[in-house]
Amino acid sequence: MLKGFTRSSTSPQLCSLYFKGLVGDDSLAGFGVAICGHRDDILFQLNGPIHGSEITVLEAELMALKRGLMEAAGLGIDHISIYCDYYPVYVLVSVIGIFLFHMLMH
């Protein structure tokens, strides 16, 4: 179990996922992921390169989001807020979230 992170079935802790995908002018790309606990303590942090010569910013952002969600699931985190600063990803995640909410409610 991670320091500062406890699992409780009666009161799940809300964690935060911050992620960023970057693509440079010289075809270099990378990502960063941070998962923080409910007190903004860092539970997990990772950054690294993304290999591919023609990757777009959207693809880099989505790779970072996917990696962050996979790591959160691996840590047993089941309540998470997602933070990003790239509007197309925000819209995509919002639309999917609304769709899933409506599917679960009907």
PDB file of N, CA and C in Angstrom:
ATOM      1  N   MET A   1       0.854  -1.178   0.000  1.00  0.00           N
ATOM      2  CA  MET A   1       0.000   0.000   0.000  1.00  0.00           C
ATOM      3  C   MET A   1       0.896   1.236   0.000  1.00  0.00           C
ATOM      4  N   LEU A   2       0.480   2.265  -0.688  1.00  0.00           N
ATOM      5  CA  LEU A   2       1.259   3.492  -0.773  1.00  0.00           C
ATOM      6  C   LEU A   2       1.164   4.297   0.512  1.00  0.00           C
ATOM      7  N   LYS A   3       2.229   4.983   0.830  1.00  0.00           N
ATOM      8  CA  LYS A   3       2.243   5.852   1.995  1.00  0.00           C
ATOM      9  C   LYS A   3       1.206   6.953   1.815  1.00  0.00           C
ATOM     10  N   GLY A   4       0.353   7.149   2.801  1.00  0.00           N
ATOM     11  CA  GLY A   4      -0.664   8.190   2.739  1.00  0.00           C
ATOM     12  C   GLY A   4      -1.923   7.783   1.989  1.00  0.00           C
ATOM     13  N   PHE A   5      -1.963   6.539   1.516  1.00  0.00           N
ATOM     14  CA  PHE A   5      -3.120   6.081   0.747  1.00  0.00           C
ATOM     15  C   PHE A   5      -3.701   4.868   1.441  1.00  0.00           C
ATOM     16  N   THR A   6      -4.949   4.985   1.856  1.00  0.00           N
ATOM     17  CA  THR A   6      -5.623   3.855   2.483  1.00  0.00           C
ATOM     18  C   THR A   6      -6.915   3.581   1.747  1.00  0.00           C
ATOM     19  N   ARG A   7      -7.218   2.305   1.604  1.00  0.00           N
ATOM     20  CA  ARG A   7      -8.463   1.911   0.942  1.00  0.00           C
ATOM     21  C   ARG A   7      -9.510   1.657   2.009  1.00  0.00           C
ATOM     22  N   SER A   8     -10.699   2.164   1.767  1.00  0.00           N
ATOM     23  CA  SER A   8     -11.803   1.936   2.684  1.00  0.00           C
ATOM     24  C   SER A   8     -13.069   1.779   1.869  1.00  0.00           C
ATOM     25  N   SER A   9     -13.789   0.709   2.104  1.00  0.00           N
ATOM     26  CA  SER A   9     -14.999   0.470   1.327  1.00  0.00           C
ATOM     27  C   SER A   9     -16.128   1.409   1.735  1.00  0.00           C
ATOM     28  N   THR A  10     -16.060   1.987   2.937  1.00  0.00           N
ATOM     29  CA  THR A  10     -17.136   2.865   3.380  1.00  0.00           C
ATOM     30  C   THR A  10     -16.924   4.308   2.942  1.00  0.00           C
ATOM     31  N   SER A  11     -15.683   4.727   2.814  1.00  0.00           N
ATOM     32  CA  SER A  11     -15.425   6.107   2.407  1.00  0.00           C
ATOM     33  C   SER A  11     -14.228   6.149   1.452  1.00  0.00           C
ATOM     34  N   PRO A  12     -14.469   5.932   0.162  1.00  0.00           N
ATOM     35  CA  PRO A  12     -13.361   5.942  -0.787  1.00  0.00           C
ATOM     36  C   PRO A  12     -12.725   7.330  -0.878  1.00  0.00           C
ATOM     37  N   GLN A  13     -11.408   7.329  -1.044  1.00  0.00           N
ATOM     38  CA  GLN A  13     -10.688   8.586  -1.155  1.00  0.00           C
ATOM     39  C   GLN A  13     -10.647   9.028  -2.610  1.00  0.00           C
ATOM     40  N   LEU A  14     -10.914  10.289  -2.830  1.00  0.00           N
ATOM     41  CA  LEU A  14     -10.839  10.850  -4.166  1.00  0.00           C
ATOM     42  C   LEU A  14      -9.398  11.258  -4.445  1.00  0.00           C
ATOM     43  N   CYS A  15      -8.841  10.707  -5.501  1.00  0.00           N
ATOM     44  CA  CYS A  15      -7.485  11.056  -5.918  1.00  0.00           C
ATOM     45  C   CYS A  15      -7.565  11.922  -7.166  1.00  0.00           C
ATOM     46  N   SER A  16      -6.445  12.499  -7.545  1.00  0.00           N
ATOM     47  CA  SER A  16      -6.380  13.375  -8.714  1.00  0.00           C
ATOM     48  C   SER A  16      -5.345  12.845  -9.694  1.00  0.00           C
ATOM     49  N   LEU A  17      -5.690  12.903 -10.972  1.00  0.00           N
ATOM     50  CA  LEU A  17      -4.782  12.511 -12.044  1.00  0.00           C
ATOM     51  C   LEU A  17      -4.465  13.745 -12.876  1.00  0.00           C
ATOM     52  N   TYR A  18      -3.193  14.081 -12.930  1.00  0.00           N
ATOM     53  CA  TYR A  18      -2.706  15.168 -13.770  1.00  0.00           C
ATOM     54  C   TYR A  18      -1.852  14.536 -14.855  1.00  0.00           C
ATOM     55  N   PHE A  19      -2.034  14.969 -16.090  1.00  0.00           N
ATOM     56  CA  PHE A  19      -1.259  14.385 -17.181  1.00  0.00           C
ATOM     57  C   PHE A  19      -1.003  15.419 -18.260  1.00  0.00           C
ATOM     58  N   LYS A  20       0.042  15.179 -19.036  1.00  0.00           N
ATOM     59  CA  LYS A  20       0.387  16.088 -20.123  1.00  0.00           C
ATOM     60  C   LYS A  20       1.149  15.310 -21.186  1.00  0.00           C
ATOM     61  N   GLY A  21       0.747  15.496 -22.429  1.00  0.00           N
ATOM     62  CA  GLY A  21       1.480  14.964 -23.566  1.00  0.00           C
ATOM     63  C   GLY A  21       2.076  16.124 -24.336  1.00  0.00           C
ATOM     64  N   LEU A  22       3.316  16.005 -24.725  1.00  0.00           N
ATOM     65  CA  LEU A  22       4.007  17.095 -25.412  1.00  0.00           C
ATOM     66  C   LEU A  22       4.592  16.610 -26.727  1.00  0.00           C
ATOM     67  N   VAL A  23       4.506  17.456 -27.750  1.00  0.00           N
ATOM     68  CA  VAL A  23       5.126  17.176 -29.044  1.00  0.00           C
ATOM     69  C   VAL A  23       5.908  18.419 -29.437  1.00  0.00           C
ATOM     70  N   GLY A  24       7.195  18.237 -29.716  1.00  0.00           N
ATOM     71  CA  GLY A  24       8.049  19.349 -30.111  1.00  0.00           C
ATOM     72  C   GLY A  24       8.099  19.522 -31.612  1.00  0.00           C
ATOM     73  N   ASP A  25       8.649  20.638 -32.046  1.00  0.00           N
ATOM     74  CA  ASP A  25       8.789  20.923 -33.476  1.00  0.00           C
ATOM     75  C   ASP A  25       9.742  19.950 -34.170  1.00  0.00           C
ATOM     76  N   ASP A  26      10.640  19.370 -33.418  1.00  0.00           N
ATOM     77  CA  ASP A  26      11.628  18.465 -33.985  1.00  0.00           C
ATOM     78  C   ASP A  26      11.213  16.999 -33.904  1.00  0.00           C
ATOM     79  N   SER A  27       9.908  16.748 -33.817  1.00  0.00           N
ATOM     80  CA  SER A  27       9.323  15.406 -33.771  1.00  0.00           C
ATOM     81  C   SER A  27       9.644  14.642 -32.497  1.00  0.00           C
ATOM     82  N   LEU A  28      10.132  15.313 -31.475  1.00  0.00           N
ATOM     83  CA  LEU A  28      10.304  14.673 -30.179  1.00  0.00           C
ATOM     84  C   LEU A  28       9.003  14.781 -29.412  1.00  0.00           C
ATOM     85  N   ALA A  29       8.638  13.713 -28.720  1.00  0.00           N
ATOM     86  CA  ALA A  29       7.386  13.707 -27.963  1.00  0.00           C
ATOM     87  C   ALA A  29       7.611  13.038 -26.616  1.00  0.00           C
ATOM     88  N   GLY A  30       6.810  13.428 -25.645  1.00  0.00           N
ATOM     89  CA  GLY A  30       6.917  12.843 -24.318  1.00  0.00           C
ATOM     90  C   GLY A  30       5.632  13.040 -23.543  1.00  0.00           C
ATOM     91  N   PHE A  31       5.610  12.501 -22.342  1.00  0.00           N
ATOM     92  CA  PHE A  31       4.421  12.605 -21.500  1.00  0.00           C
ATOM     93  C   PHE A  31       4.835  12.722 -20.044  1.00  0.00           C
ATOM     94  N   GLY A  32       3.904  13.191 -19.237  1.00  0.00           N
ATOM     95  CA  GLY A  32       4.078  13.233 -17.799  1.00  0.00           C
ATOM     96  C   GLY A  32       2.772  12.881 -17.125  1.00  0.00           C
ATOM     97  N   VAL A  33       2.861  12.156 -16.023  1.00  0.00           N
ATOM     98  CA  VAL A  33       1.688  11.715 -15.275  1.00  0.00           C
ATOM     99  C   VAL A  33       1.978  11.893 -13.792  1.00  0.00           C
ATOM    100  N   ALA A  34       1.010  12.410 -13.060  1.00  0.00           N
ATOM    101  CA  ALA A  34       1.106  12.474 -11.602  1.00  0.00           C
ATOM    102  C   ALA A  34      -0.242  12.102 -11.015  1.00  0.00           C
ATOM    103  N   ILE A  35      -0.225  11.240 -10.019  1.00  0.00           N
ATOM    104  CA  ILE A  35      -1.434  10.876  -9.290  1.00  0.00           C
ATOM    105  C   ILE A  35      -1.232  11.355  -7.860  1.00  0.00           C
ATOM    106  N   CYS A  36      -2.183  12.153  -7.385  1.00  0.00           N
ATOM    107  CA  CYS A  36      -2.084  12.732  -6.053  1.00  0.00           C
ATOM    108  C   CYS A  36      -3.227  12.243  -5.187  1.00  0.00           C
ATOM    109  N   GLY A  37      -2.960  12.143  -3.889  1.00  0.00           N
ATOM    110  CA  GLY A  37      -3.970  11.749  -2.924  1.00  0.00           C
ATOM    111  C   GLY A  37      -4.888  12.909  -2.585  1.00  0.00           C
ATOM    112  N   HIS A  38      -5.798  12.664  -1.670  1.00  0.00           N
ATOM    113  CA  HIS A  38      -6.796  13.685  -1.327  1.00  0.00           C
ATOM    114  C   HIS A  38      -6.189  14.894  -0.628  1.00  0.00           C
ATOM    115  N   ARG A  39      -4.957  14.791  -0.177  1.00  0.00           N
ATOM    116  CA  ARG A  39      -4.257  15.940   0.429  1.00  0.00           C
ATOM    117  C   ARG A  39      -3.210  16.508  -0.523  1.00  0.00           C
ATOM    118  N   ASP A  40      -3.324  16.190  -1.809  1.00  0.00           N
ATOM    119  CA  ASP A  40      -2.385  16.603  -2.853  1.00  0.00           C
ATOM    120  C   ASP A  40      -0.974  16.065  -2.638  1.00  0.00           C
ATOM    121  N   ASP A  41      -0.855  14.968  -1.910  1.00  0.00           N
ATOM    122  CA  ASP A  41       0.433  14.308  -1.782  1.00  0.00           C
ATOM    123  C   ASP A  41       0.634  13.409  -3.005  1.00  0.00           C
ATOM    124  N   ILE A  42       1.834  13.388  -3.535  1.00  0.00           N
ATOM    125  CA  ILE A  42       2.108  12.624  -4.753  1.00  0.00           C
ATOM    126  C   ILE A  42       2.183  11.141  -4.419  1.00  0.00           C
ATOM    127  N   LEU A  43       1.280  10.370  -5.039  1.00  0.00           N
ATOM    128  CA  LEU A  43       1.263   8.926  -4.865  1.00  0.00           C
ATOM    129  C   LEU A  43       2.060   8.224  -5.958  1.00  0.00           C
ATOM    130  N   PHE A  44       2.077   8.834  -7.147  1.00  0.00           N
ATOM    131  CA  PHE A  44       2.751   8.231  -8.293  1.00  0.00           C
ATOM    132  C   PHE A  44       3.147   9.343  -9.249  1.00  0.00           C
ATOM    133  N   GLN A  45       4.328   9.223  -9.821  1.00  0.00           N
ATOM    134  CA  GLN A  45       4.785  10.214 -10.789  1.00  0.00           C
ATOM    135  C   GLN A  45       5.648   9.512 -11.824  1.00  0.00           C
ATOM    136  N   LEU A  46       5.441   9.850 -13.094  1.00  0.00           N
ATOM    137  CA  LEU A  46       6.183   9.217 -14.174  1.00  0.00           C
ATOM    138  C   LEU A  46       6.246  10.168 -15.358  1.00  0.00           C
ATOM    139  N   ASN A  47       7.368  10.175 -16.045  1.00  0.00           N
ATOM    140  CA  ASN A  47       7.458  10.873 -17.326  1.00  0.00           C
ATOM    141  C   ASN A  47       8.377  10.060 -18.227  1.00  0.00           C
ATOM    142  N   GLY A  48       8.195  10.256 -19.511  1.00  0.00           N
ATOM    143  CA  GLY A  48       9.015   9.498 -20.442  1.00  0.00           C
ATOM    144  C   GLY A  48       8.777   9.904 -21.873  1.00  0.00           C
ATOM    145  N   PRO A  49       9.541   9.314 -22.759  1.00  0.00           N
ATOM    146  CA  PRO A  49       9.403   9.636 -24.183  1.00  0.00           C
ATOM    147  C   PRO A  49       8.245   8.874 -24.820  1.00  0.00           C
ATOM    148  N   ILE A  50       7.754   9.411 -25.904  1.00  0.00           N
ATOM    149  CA  ILE A  50       6.793   8.718 -26.753  1.00  0.00           C
ATOM    150  C   ILE A  50       7.474   8.547 -28.100  1.00  0.00           C
ATOM    151  N   HIS A  51       7.556   7.312 -28.543  1.00  0.00           N
ATOM    152  CA  HIS A  51       8.242   7.022 -29.802  1.00  0.00           C
ATOM    153  C   HIS A  51       7.241   7.015 -30.947  1.00  0.00           C
ATOM    154  N   GLY A  52       7.580   7.664 -32.011  1.00  0.00           N
ATOM    155  CA  GLY A  52       6.741   7.762 -33.198  1.00  0.00           C
ATOM    156  C   GLY A  52       7.058   9.052 -33.912  1.00  0.00           C
ATOM    157  N   SER A  53       7.240   8.982 -35.189  1.00  0.00           N
ATOM    158  CA  SER A  53       7.709  10.163 -35.909  1.00  0.00           C
ATOM    159  C   SER A  53       6.606  11.157 -36.248  1.00  0.00           C
ATOM    160  N   GLU A  54       5.394  10.706 -36.346  1.00  0.00           N
ATOM    161  CA  GLU A  54       4.316  11.611 -36.755  1.00  0.00           C
ATOM    162  C   GLU A  54       3.186  11.647 -35.739  1.00  0.00           C
ATOM    163  N   ILE A  55       3.518  11.729 -34.475  1.00  0.00           N
ATOM    164  CA  ILE A  55       2.509  11.755 -33.427  1.00  0.00           C
ATOM    165  C   ILE A  55       1.936  13.160 -33.288  1.00  0.00           C
ATOM    166  N   THR A  56       0.651  13.254 -33.048  1.00  0.00           N
ATOM    167  CA  THR A  56      -0.002  14.543 -32.856  1.00  0.00           C
ATOM    168  C   THR A  56      -0.080  14.867 -31.366  1.00  0.00           C
ATOM    169  N   VAL A  57      -0.385  16.117 -31.065  1.00  0.00           N
ATOM    170  CA  VAL A  57      -0.550  16.522 -29.671  1.00  0.00           C
ATOM    171  C   VAL A  57      -1.703  15.752 -29.038  1.00  0.00           C
ATOM    172  N   LEU A  58      -2.807  15.591 -29.772  1.00  0.00           N
ATOM    173  CA  LEU A  58      -3.952  14.849 -29.238  1.00  0.00           C
ATOM    174  C   LEU A  58      -3.550  13.415 -28.899  1.00  0.00           C
ATOM    175  N   GLU A  59      -2.798  12.759 -29.778  1.00  0.00           N
ATOM    176  CA  GLU A  59      -2.354  11.389 -29.507  1.00  0.00           C
ATOM    177  C   GLU A  59      -1.453  11.329 -28.277  1.00  0.00           C
ATOM    178  N   ALA A  60      -0.554  12.292 -28.147  1.00  0.00           N
ATOM    179  CA  ALA A  60       0.336  12.331 -26.985  1.00  0.00           C
ATOM    180  C   ALA A  60      -0.454  12.533 -25.696  1.00  0.00           C
ATOM    181  N   GLU A  61      -1.433  13.419 -25.739  1.00  0.00           N
ATOM    182  CA  GLU A  61      -2.271  13.666 -24.562  1.00  0.00           C
ATOM    183  C   GLU A  61      -3.061  12.415 -24.183  1.00  0.00           C
ATOM    184  N   LEU A  62      -3.635  11.739 -25.174  1.00  0.00           N
ATOM    185  CA  LEU A  62      -4.422  10.543 -24.897  1.00  0.00           C
ATOM    186  C   LEU A  62      -3.548   9.397 -24.397  1.00  0.00           C
ATOM    187  N   MET A  63      -2.316   9.299 -24.894  1.00  0.00           N
ATOM    188  CA  MET A  63      -1.390   8.288 -24.373  1.00  0.00           C
ATOM    189  C   MET A  63      -1.074   8.558 -22.903  1.00  0.00           C
ATOM    190  N   ALA A  64      -0.882   9.827 -22.565  1.00  0.00           N
ATOM    191  CA  ALA A  64      -0.604  10.188 -21.176  1.00  0.00           C
ATOM    192  C   ALA A  64      -1.811   9.881 -20.293  1.00  0.00           C
ATOM    193  N   LEU A  65      -3.014  10.204 -20.763  1.00  0.00           N
ATOM    194  CA  LEU A  65      -4.231   9.907 -20.009  1.00  0.00           C
ATOM    195  C   LEU A  65      -4.369   8.405 -19.802  1.00  0.00           C
ATOM    196  N   LYS A  66      -4.186   7.638 -20.856  1.00  0.00           N
ATOM    197  CA  LYS A  66      -4.300   6.180 -20.751  1.00  0.00           C
ATOM    198  C   LYS A  66      -3.296   5.626 -19.746  1.00  0.00           C
ATOM    199  N   ARG A  67      -2.062   6.086 -19.821  1.00  0.00           N
ATOM    200  CA  ARG A  67      -1.041   5.600 -18.885  1.00  0.00           C
ATOM    201  C   ARG A  67      -1.406   5.946 -17.447  1.00  0.00           C
ATOM    202  N   GLY A  68      -1.901   7.184 -17.244  1.00  0.00           N
ATOM    203  CA  GLY A  68      -2.299   7.589 -15.900  1.00  0.00           C
ATOM    204  C   GLY A  68      -3.452   6.760 -15.361  1.00  0.00           C
ATOM    205  N   LEU A  69      -4.448   6.485 -16.193  1.00  0.00           N
ATOM    206  CA  LEU A  69      -5.586   5.676 -15.754  1.00  0.00           C
ATOM    207  C   LEU A  69      -5.171   4.234 -15.480  1.00  0.00           C
ATOM    208  N   MET A  70      -4.264   3.705 -16.292  1.00  0.00           N
ATOM    209  CA  MET A  70      -3.778   2.342 -16.061  1.00  0.00           C
ATOM    210  C   MET A  70      -3.011   2.260 -14.733  1.00  0.00           C
ATOM    211  N   GLU A  71      -2.187   3.245 -14.458  1.00  0.00           N
ATOM    212  CA  GLU A  71      -1.430   3.254 -13.200  1.00  0.00           C
ATOM    213  C   GLU A  71      -2.371   3.407 -12.005  1.00  0.00           C
ATOM    214  N   ALA A  72      -3.389   4.271 -12.138  1.00  0.00           N
ATOM    215  CA  ALA A  72      -4.357   4.454 -11.052  1.00  0.00           C
ATOM    216  C   ALA A  72      -5.086   3.146 -10.763  1.00  0.00           C
ATOM    217  N   ALA A  73      -5.512   2.462 -11.817  1.00  0.00           N
ATOM    218  CA  ALA A  73      -6.199   1.178 -11.637  1.00  0.00           C
ATOM    219  C   ALA A  73      -5.263   0.166 -10.977  1.00  0.00           C
ATOM    220  N   GLY A  74      -4.000   0.163 -11.389  1.00  0.00           N
ATOM    221  CA  GLY A  74      -3.025  -0.746 -10.799  1.00  0.00           C
ATOM    222  C   GLY A  74      -2.774  -0.477  -9.324  1.00  0.00           C
ATOM    223  N   LEU A  75      -2.968   0.763  -8.901  1.00  0.00           N
ATOM    224  CA  LEU A  75      -2.807   1.126  -7.496  1.00  0.00           C
ATOM    225  C   LEU A  75      -4.072   0.868  -6.688  1.00  0.00           C
ATOM    226  N   GLY A  76      -5.141   0.426  -7.368  1.00  0.00           N
ATOM    227  CA  GLY A  76      -6.399   0.165  -6.679  1.00  0.00           C
ATOM    228  C   GLY A  76      -7.251   1.399  -6.469  1.00  0.00           C
ATOM    229  N   ILE A  77      -6.947   2.460  -7.184  1.00  0.00           N
ATOM    230  CA  ILE A  77      -7.704   3.707  -7.049  1.00  0.00           C
ATOM    231  C   ILE A  77      -8.969   3.590  -7.893  1.00  0.00           C
ATOM    232  N   ASP A  78     -10.127   3.808  -7.268  1.00  0.00           N
ATOM    233  CA  ASP A  78     -11.376   3.697  -8.017  1.00  0.00           C
ATOM    234  C   ASP A  78     -12.209   4.974  -8.003  1.00  0.00           C
ATOM    235  N   HIS A  79     -11.710   6.042  -7.412  1.00  0.00           N
ATOM    236  CA  HIS A  79     -12.352   7.358  -7.450  1.00  0.00           C
ATOM    237  C   HIS A  79     -11.268   8.372  -7.801  1.00  0.00           C
ATOM    238  N   ILE A  80     -11.387   8.982  -8.989  1.00  0.00           N
ATOM    239  CA  ILE A  80     -10.318   9.867  -9.441  1.00  0.00           C
ATOM    240  C   ILE A  80     -10.887  11.052 -10.212  1.00  0.00           C
ATOM    241  N   SER A  81     -10.330  12.210  -9.977  1.00  0.00           N
ATOM    242  CA  SER A  81     -10.637  13.403 -10.764  1.00  0.00           C
ATOM    243  C   SER A  81      -9.526  13.568 -11.788  1.00  0.00           C
ATOM    244  N   ILE A  82      -9.905  13.947 -12.994  1.00  0.00           N
ATOM    245  CA  ILE A  82      -8.940  14.065 -14.080  1.00  0.00           C
ATOM    246  C   ILE A  82      -8.742  15.546 -14.396  1.00  0.00           C
ATOM    247  N   TYR A  83      -7.484  15.965 -14.459  1.00  0.00           N
ATOM    248  CA  TYR A  83      -7.153  17.354 -14.755  1.00  0.00           C
ATOM    249  C   TYR A  83      -6.272  17.412 -16.006  1.00  0.00           C
ATOM    250  N   CYS A  84      -6.683  18.241 -16.960  1.00  0.00           N
ATOM    251  CA  CYS A  84      -5.866  18.431 -18.160  1.00  0.00           C
ATOM    252  C   CYS A  84      -6.018  19.882 -18.611  1.00  0.00           C
ATOM    253  N   ASP A  85      -5.087  20.315 -19.450  1.00  0.00           N
ATOM    254  CA  ASP A  85      -5.138  21.694 -19.937  1.00  0.00           C
ATOM    255  C   ASP A  85      -5.256  21.765 -21.454  1.00  0.00           C
ATOM    256  N   TYR A  86      -5.608  20.653 -22.077  1.00  0.00           N
ATOM    257  CA  TYR A  86      -5.752  20.611 -23.531  1.00  0.00           C
ATOM    258  C   TYR A  86      -7.234  20.435 -23.841  1.00  0.00           C
ATOM    259  N   TYR A  87      -7.862  21.471 -24.369  1.00  0.00           N
ATOM    260  CA  TYR A  87      -9.315  21.512 -24.520  1.00  0.00           C
ATOM    261  C   TYR A  87      -9.901  20.335 -25.296  1.00  0.00           C
ATOM    262  N   PRO A  88      -9.309  19.881 -26.410  1.00  0.00           N
ATOM    263  CA  PRO A  88      -9.895  18.722 -27.109  1.00  0.00           C
ATOM    264  C   PRO A  88      -9.997  17.475 -26.229  1.00  0.00           C
ATOM    265  N   VAL A  89      -9.051  17.248 -25.345  1.00  0.00           N
ATOM    266  CA  VAL A  89      -9.131  16.101 -24.435  1.00  0.00           C
ATOM    267  C   VAL A  89     -10.217  16.346 -23.403  1.00  0.00           C
ATOM    268  N   TYR A  90     -10.317  17.558 -22.898  1.00  0.00           N
ATOM    269  CA  TYR A  90     -11.368  17.898 -21.947  1.00  0.00           C
ATOM    270  C   TYR A  90     -12.746  17.604 -22.539  1.00  0.00           C
ATOM    271  N   VAL A  91     -12.966  18.027 -23.774  1.00  0.00           N
ATOM    272  CA  VAL A  91     -14.257  17.796 -24.433  1.00  0.00           C
ATOM    273  C   VAL A  91     -14.492  16.300 -24.602  1.00  0.00           C
ATOM    274  N   LEU A  92     -13.502  15.590 -25.071  1.00  0.00           N
ATOM    275  CA  LEU A  92     -13.633  14.157 -25.290  1.00  0.00           C
ATOM    276  C   LEU A  92     -13.972  13.421 -23.992  1.00  0.00           C
ATOM    277  N   VAL A  93     -13.242  13.707 -22.933  1.00  0.00           N
ATOM    278  CA  VAL A  93     -13.496  13.056 -21.649  1.00  0.00           C
ATOM    279  C   VAL A  93     -14.863  13.449 -21.105  1.00  0.00           C
ATOM    280  N   SER A  94     -15.257  14.698 -21.261  1.00  0.00           N
ATOM    281  CA  SER A  94     -16.565  15.147 -20.788  1.00  0.00           C
ATOM    282  C   SER A  94     -17.697  14.451 -21.524  1.00  0.00           C
ATOM    283  N   VAL A  95     -17.597  14.351 -22.836  1.00  0.00           N
ATOM    284  CA  VAL A  95     -18.644  13.709 -23.630  1.00  0.00           C
ATOM    285  C   VAL A  95     -18.753  12.231 -23.278  1.00  0.00           C
ATOM    286  N   ILE A  96     -17.617  11.564 -23.147  1.00  0.00           N
ATOM    287  CA  ILE A  96     -17.641  10.153 -22.778  1.00  0.00           C
ATOM    288  C   ILE A  96     -18.239   9.985 -21.381  1.00  0.00           C
ATOM    289  N   GLY A  97     -17.870  10.862 -20.457  1.00  0.00           N
ATOM    290  CA  GLY A  97     -18.421  10.799 -19.103  1.00  0.00           C
ATOM    291  C   GLY A  97     -19.927  10.980 -19.080  1.00  0.00           C
ATOM    292  N   ILE A  98     -20.430  11.933 -19.834  1.00  0.00           N
ATOM    293  CA  ILE A  98     -21.876  12.164 -19.892  1.00  0.00           C
ATOM    294  C   ILE A  98     -22.570  10.956 -20.513  1.00  0.00           C
ATOM    295  N   PHE A  99     -21.994  10.407 -21.577  1.00  0.00           N
ATOM    296  CA  PHE A  99     -22.563   9.235 -22.234  1.00  0.00           C
ATOM    297  C   PHE A  99     -22.627   8.056 -21.268  1.00  0.00           C
ATOM    298  N   LEU A 100     -21.546   7.800 -20.552  1.00  0.00           N
ATOM    299  CA  LEU A 100     -21.522   6.678 -19.599  1.00  0.00           C
ATOM    300  C   LEU A 100     -22.525   6.885 -18.474  1.00  0.00           C
ATOM    301  N   PHE A 101     -22.645   8.118 -17.999  1.00  0.00           N
ATOM    302  CA  PHE A 101     -23.608   8.419 -16.942  1.00  0.00           C
ATOM    303  C   PHE A 101     -25.029   8.093 -17.407  1.00  0.00           C
ATOM    304  N   HIS A 102     -25.377   8.525 -18.622  1.00  0.00           N
ATOM    305  CA  HIS A 102     -26.720   8.257 -19.151  1.00  0.00           C
ATOM    306  C   HIS A 102     -26.939   6.771 -19.390  1.00  0.00           C
ATOM    307  N   MET A 103     -25.903   6.054 -19.827  1.00  0.00           N
ATOM    308  CA  MET A 103     -26.033   4.616 -20.045  1.00  0.00           C
ATOM    309  C   MET A 103     -26.281   3.894 -18.724  1.00  0.00           C
ATOM    310  N   LEU A 104     -25.612   4.328 -17.663  1.00  0.00           N
ATOM    311  CA  LEU A 104     -25.779   3.678 -16.360  1.00  0.00           C
ATOM    312  C   LEU A 104     -27.111   4.009 -15.720  1.00  0.00           C
ATOM    313  N   MET A 105     -27.674   5.168 -16.024  1.00  0.00           N
ATOM    314  CA  MET A 105     -28.922   5.610 -15.394  1.00  0.00           C
ATOM    315  C   MET A 105     -30.162   5.051 -16.098  1.00  0.00           C
ATOM    316  N   HIS A 106     -30.010   4.524 -17.289  1.00  0.00           N
ATOM    317  CA  HIS A 106     -31.181   4.013 -18.032  1.00  0.00           C
ATOM    318  C   HIS A 106     -31.120   2.546 -18.212  1.00  0.00           C
TER     319      HIS A 106
END
